[in-house]
Amino acid sequence: MVYKLTDTDKARQLFGGWEETIIWSCLQGVMGCIYADDDRHPCSAAATLGDFAFFAGKP
C-alpha cells in the first residue's frame, strides 16, 4: 500500500544526502508530497511535485 506522509520527517533519512530543491520543498511541506510504503517506518519513498518524482530507499 502507498501512503501520503503527513509527517515527512519519517522519510527524511531516505533522502538524506540529496541536494535537490524539489525534495527539500516536499520534506518541508512547502510544495509537493512525499509518498511511502509505510506511514510509520518507510523503507521506500517518492518525493513528487507536478510531473517530477524522486525515488529513494528500497526498489
Protein backbone atom coordinates (compact mmCIF):
# COMPACT_ATOMS: atom_id res chain seq x y z
CA MET A 1 0.00 0.00 0.00
CA VAL A 2 1.14 3.56 -0.66
CA TYR A 3 0.67 6.28 1.95
CA LYS A 4 0.83 10.05 1.62
CA LEU A 5 3.01 11.15 4.53
CA THR A 6 1.82 13.97 6.73
CA ASP A 7 4.90 13.65 8.96
CA THR A 8 7.62 13.91 6.33
CA ASP A 9 10.41 13.66 8.93
CA LYS A 10 9.92 9.89 8.80
CA ALA A 11 11.22 9.86 5.21
CA ARG A 12 13.96 12.44 5.73
CA GLN A 13 16.64 9.77 6.28
CA LEU A 14 15.85 8.18 2.90
CA PHE A 15 16.61 11.46 1.10
CA GLY A 16 19.48 12.41 3.45
CA GLY A 17 22.30 13.20 1.02
CA TRP A 18 20.21 14.69 -1.80
CA GLU A 19 20.60 18.38 -2.64
CA GLU A 20 17.56 18.69 -4.93
CA THR A 21 15.33 21.69 -4.20
CA ILE A 22 12.19 19.73 -5.07
CA ILE A 23 12.98 17.07 -2.46
CA TRP A 24 13.60 19.63 0.28
CA SER A 25 10.41 21.51 -0.65
CA CYS A 26 8.45 18.28 -0.27
CA LEU A 27 10.12 17.41 3.03
CA GLN A 28 9.45 20.89 4.42
CA GLY A 29 5.81 20.80 3.29
CA VAL A 30 6.20 23.89 1.10
CA MET A 31 5.35 22.23 -2.23
CA GLY A 32 4.76 18.67 -3.38
CA CYS A 33 4.15 15.48 -1.44
CA ILE A 34 6.01 12.50 -0.06
CA TYR A 35 4.53 9.06 -0.66
CA ALA A 36 5.89 5.99 1.11
CA ASP A 37 5.36 2.27 1.51
CA ASP A 38 4.67 2.61 5.25
CA ASP A 39 3.43 5.66 7.15
CA ARG A 40 5.34 4.82 10.34
CA HIS A 41 8.63 3.24 9.21
CA PRO A 42 9.10 3.80 5.47
CA CYS A 43 11.69 1.79 3.53
CA SER A 44 10.83 3.38 0.17
CA ALA A 45 9.55 6.82 -0.67
CA ALA A 46 8.84 9.15 -3.57
CA ALA A 47 9.05 12.93 -3.44
CA THR A 48 6.64 14.27 -6.07
CA LEU A 49 5.96 17.72 -7.42
CA GLY A 50 3.95 18.10 -10.61
CA ASP A 51 5.30 15.57 -13.09
CA PHE A 52 8.66 15.18 -11.29
CA ALA A 53 9.33 12.27 -8.93
CA PHE A 54 12.44 11.35 -6.99
CA PHE A 55 12.56 7.85 -5.54
CA ALA A 56 14.64 6.73 -2.56
CA GLY A 57 15.06 3.64 -0.44
CA LYS A 58 14.45 0.02 -1.41
CA PRO A 59 13.43 -0.55 -5.03
